[in-house]
Protein backbone atom coordinates (compact mmCIF):
# COMPACT_ATOMS: atom_id res chain seq x y z
CA MET A 1 -53.30 -13.58 24.01
CA ILE A 2 -50.01 -14.10 22.03
CA SER A 3 -50.70 -15.57 18.54
CA PHE A 4 -48.04 -18.11 17.28
CA GLU A 5 -46.79 -17.68 13.72
CA PRO A 6 -44.96 -20.93 12.64
CA GLN A 7 -42.23 -18.99 10.30
CA LEU A 8 -40.96 -17.23 13.24
CA LEU A 9 -39.16 -19.39 15.72
CA THR A 10 -37.90 -17.46 18.19
CA ARG A 11 -38.84 -15.27 21.06
CA ALA A 12 -37.46 -12.40 22.86
CA SER A 13 -39.09 -10.58 25.11
CA THR A 14 -38.39 -6.86 26.26
CA LYS A 15 -39.95 -5.34 29.09
CA ASP A 16 -43.51 -5.91 28.76
CA LYS A 17 -43.40 -6.31 24.63
CA ILE A 18 -42.65 -10.18 23.42
CA ILE A 19 -40.99 -9.45 19.82
CA TYR A 20 -40.83 -12.59 17.58
CA ARG A 21 -37.67 -13.08 15.36
CA SER A 22 -37.13 -15.48 12.13
CA ILE A 23 -33.97 -17.24 12.69
CA GLU A 24 -31.64 -15.90 9.34
CA MET A 25 -29.70 -18.82 7.86
CA ILE A 26 -28.60 -16.53 5.07
CA SER A 27 -26.94 -12.88 5.69
CA GLN A 28 -28.48 -10.34 4.12
CA THR A 29 -25.25 -10.00 2.22
CA GLY A 30 -25.83 -13.62 1.15
CA LYS A 31 -29.28 -12.92 -0.03
CA TYR A 32 -27.97 -10.12 -2.21
CA ALA A 33 -25.06 -12.40 -3.77
CA LEU A 34 -28.11 -15.00 -4.62
CA ARG A 35 -29.98 -11.84 -6.04
CA ILE A 36 -27.08 -10.59 -8.04
CA LEU A 37 -26.24 -13.88 -9.22
CA GLY A 38 -30.00 -15.03 -10.30
CA TYR A 39 -30.06 -11.28 -12.45
CA LEU A 40 -27.15 -12.06 -14.18
CA ALA A 41 -28.06 -16.14 -14.60
CA GLU A 42 -30.91 -14.52 -16.71
CA ARG A 43 -28.53 -12.75 -18.84
CA PRO A 44 -25.61 -14.90 -19.18
CA SER A 45 -24.00 -13.50 -22.16
CA GLU A 46 -24.73 -9.94 -21.68
CA TRP A 47 -22.16 -7.44 -19.86
CA VAL A 48 -24.49 -5.47 -17.31
CA LEU A 49 -23.32 -2.36 -15.70
CA GLY A 50 -23.24 -2.44 -11.94
CA LYS A 51 -25.47 0.74 -11.72
CA ASN A 52 -28.39 -1.49 -13.48
CA VAL A 53 -27.53 -4.50 -11.58
CA ALA A 54 -28.23 -2.23 -8.43
CA SER A 55 -31.42 -0.76 -9.97
CA ALA A 56 -33.10 -4.11 -11.10
CA THR A 57 -32.80 -5.44 -7.54
CA GLY A 58 -32.82 -3.04 -5.59
CA ILE A 59 -29.34 -3.50 -3.62
CA PRO A 60 -27.51 -0.17 -2.83
CA SER A 61 -24.69 0.28 -5.16
CA ASN A 62 -21.88 0.44 -3.14
CA TYR A 63 -22.69 -2.47 -1.45
CA LEU A 64 -23.88 -4.02 -4.93
CA LEU A 65 -19.84 -3.58 -6.11
CA LYS A 66 -18.56 -4.61 -2.68
CA ILE A 67 -20.46 -8.20 -3.55
CA LEU A 68 -19.55 -8.43 -7.33
CA ASN A 69 -15.78 -7.97 -6.78
CA GLN A 70 -15.94 -10.78 -4.49
CA LEU A 71 -17.79 -12.91 -6.73
CA SER A 72 -15.48 -11.95 -9.65
CA LYS A 73 -12.31 -12.56 -7.75
CA HIS A 74 -13.73 -15.93 -7.37
CA GLY A 75 -14.53 -17.03 -10.63
CA PHE A 76 -18.88 -16.26 -10.53
CA VAL A 77 -18.41 -13.65 -12.36
CA GLN A 78 -16.54 -11.65 -14.72
CA SER A 79 -15.56 -8.10 -14.88
CA GLN A 80 -14.64 -5.89 -17.74
CA LYS A 81 -14.00 -2.40 -17.66
CA GLY A 82 -14.43 0.36 -20.10
CA TRP A 83 -16.87 0.89 -23.00
CA GLY A 84 -19.22 -2.40 -23.60
CA GLY A 85 -17.85 -3.59 -20.01
CA GLY A 86 -19.82 -4.19 -17.06
CA PHE A 87 -20.39 -7.84 -15.17
CA ARG A 88 -21.96 -11.10 -16.96
CA LEU A 89 -21.78 -14.52 -14.96
CA HIS A 90 -18.62 -16.67 -16.03
CA GLU A 91 -19.97 -19.30 -18.33
CA GLU A 92 -19.25 -22.41 -15.86
CA ALA A 93 -21.00 -20.78 -12.75
CA ILE A 94 -24.61 -21.48 -14.30
CA SER A 95 -23.96 -25.29 -12.84
CA VAL A 96 -22.41 -24.37 -9.30
CA PRO A 97 -24.27 -25.02 -6.37
CA ILE A 98 -25.43 -21.71 -4.90
CA GLU A 99 -23.65 -23.74 -1.90
CA SER A 100 -20.30 -22.57 -3.30
CA ALA A 101 -21.18 -18.91 -3.49
CA LEU A 102 -22.73 -18.37 -0.37
CA ALA A 103 -19.79 -19.87 1.28
CA LEU A 104 -17.82 -16.95 -0.01
CA PHE A 105 -20.10 -14.70 2.33
CA GLU A 106 -21.29 -16.77 5.20
CA GLY A 107 -18.37 -19.48 5.43
CA PRO A 108 -19.32 -22.78 5.65
CA PHE A 109 -22.88 -23.95 7.28
CA ASN A 110 -22.17 -25.00 10.88
CA GLU A 111 -23.81 -28.35 10.89
CA HIS A 112 -23.15 -28.75 14.43
CA SER A 113 -24.99 -25.96 15.52
CA CYS A 114 -27.55 -26.25 18.37
CA LEU A 115 -30.58 -24.45 18.09
CA PHE A 116 -30.92 -24.07 21.87
CA GLY A 117 -27.45 -22.98 21.95
CA LEU A 118 -25.87 -25.36 23.67
CA ALA A 119 -22.00 -25.70 23.21
CA LYS A 120 -22.50 -29.85 23.11
CA CYS A 121 -25.31 -31.30 21.58
CA ASP A 122 -25.43 -34.31 19.80
CA SER A 123 -27.49 -37.66 19.18
CA VAL A 124 -25.77 -38.72 22.91
CA HIS A 125 -26.34 -35.55 24.66
CA PRO A 126 -29.48 -33.71 22.72
CA CYS A 127 -30.98 -30.57 23.10
CA PRO A 128 -34.82 -30.26 23.45
CA LEU A 129 -35.10 -29.10 19.84
CA HIS A 130 -32.07 -31.30 18.56
CA GLU A 131 -34.18 -34.18 16.34
CA GLY A 132 -36.27 -31.63 14.54
CA TRP A 133 -33.79 -28.87 13.97
CA GLU A 134 -31.31 -32.09 12.30
CA ALA A 135 -33.89 -32.25 9.92
CA ILE A 136 -34.07 -28.57 9.34
CA LYS A 137 -30.26 -28.59 8.76
CA ARG A 138 -30.22 -31.76 6.79
CA SER A 139 -32.85 -30.23 4.41
CA TYR A 140 -31.29 -26.74 4.05
CA THR A 141 -27.95 -28.59 3.44
CA GLU A 142 -29.33 -30.75 0.90
CA MET A 143 -31.04 -27.41 -0.58
CA LEU A 144 -28.05 -25.70 -1.32
CA GLN A 145 -25.85 -28.72 -2.80
CA ALA A 146 -28.94 -29.47 -4.94
CA THR A 147 -29.66 -25.39 -6.04
CA THR A 148 -27.44 -24.14 -9.29
CA ILE A 149 -26.65 -20.82 -9.76
CA GLY A 150 -28.65 -21.22 -13.06
CA ASP A 151 -31.79 -22.28 -11.26
CA LEU A 152 -32.02 -18.90 -9.76
CA ARG A 153 -32.97 -17.61 -12.57
CA SER A 154 -36.52 -15.57 -12.23
CA THR A 155 -39.11 -13.44 -14.00
CA GLN A 156 -39.48 -11.54 -10.81
CA ILE A 157 -36.17 -9.62 -11.38
CA LYS A 158 -36.23 -7.48 -14.57
């Protein structure tokens, strides 16, 4: 008997095994970027060394520096070399929706994607999952637009 876990949304079978996978709406890089921004948002005026961000967030240093460089290049994070330098959140970034930061790493969210995998899926030609998936996409987009970088502050990342 196969037990169904609601948080796992897709199923793939290999030979005699059934493997469940969750649908990932944000890549690992996107998740790391949000974690970095949340960490820096807790220390808005503090310059933090990359190695300290890596240690506190559990993100590999080389990967973290690539993400920080992109965030810096696009104005979310400031960087300063030398003694007393490091990284800190740009002052205005605190009120920016996370949708903007994620777009750097994910590209724009594809609102026309079909969970069933059909090339043509809309209200006129819906797939079997269309109605439910539309509600999820709408809610997801609203969350990305309503959540600011400042909202990522968390006491869980020290």
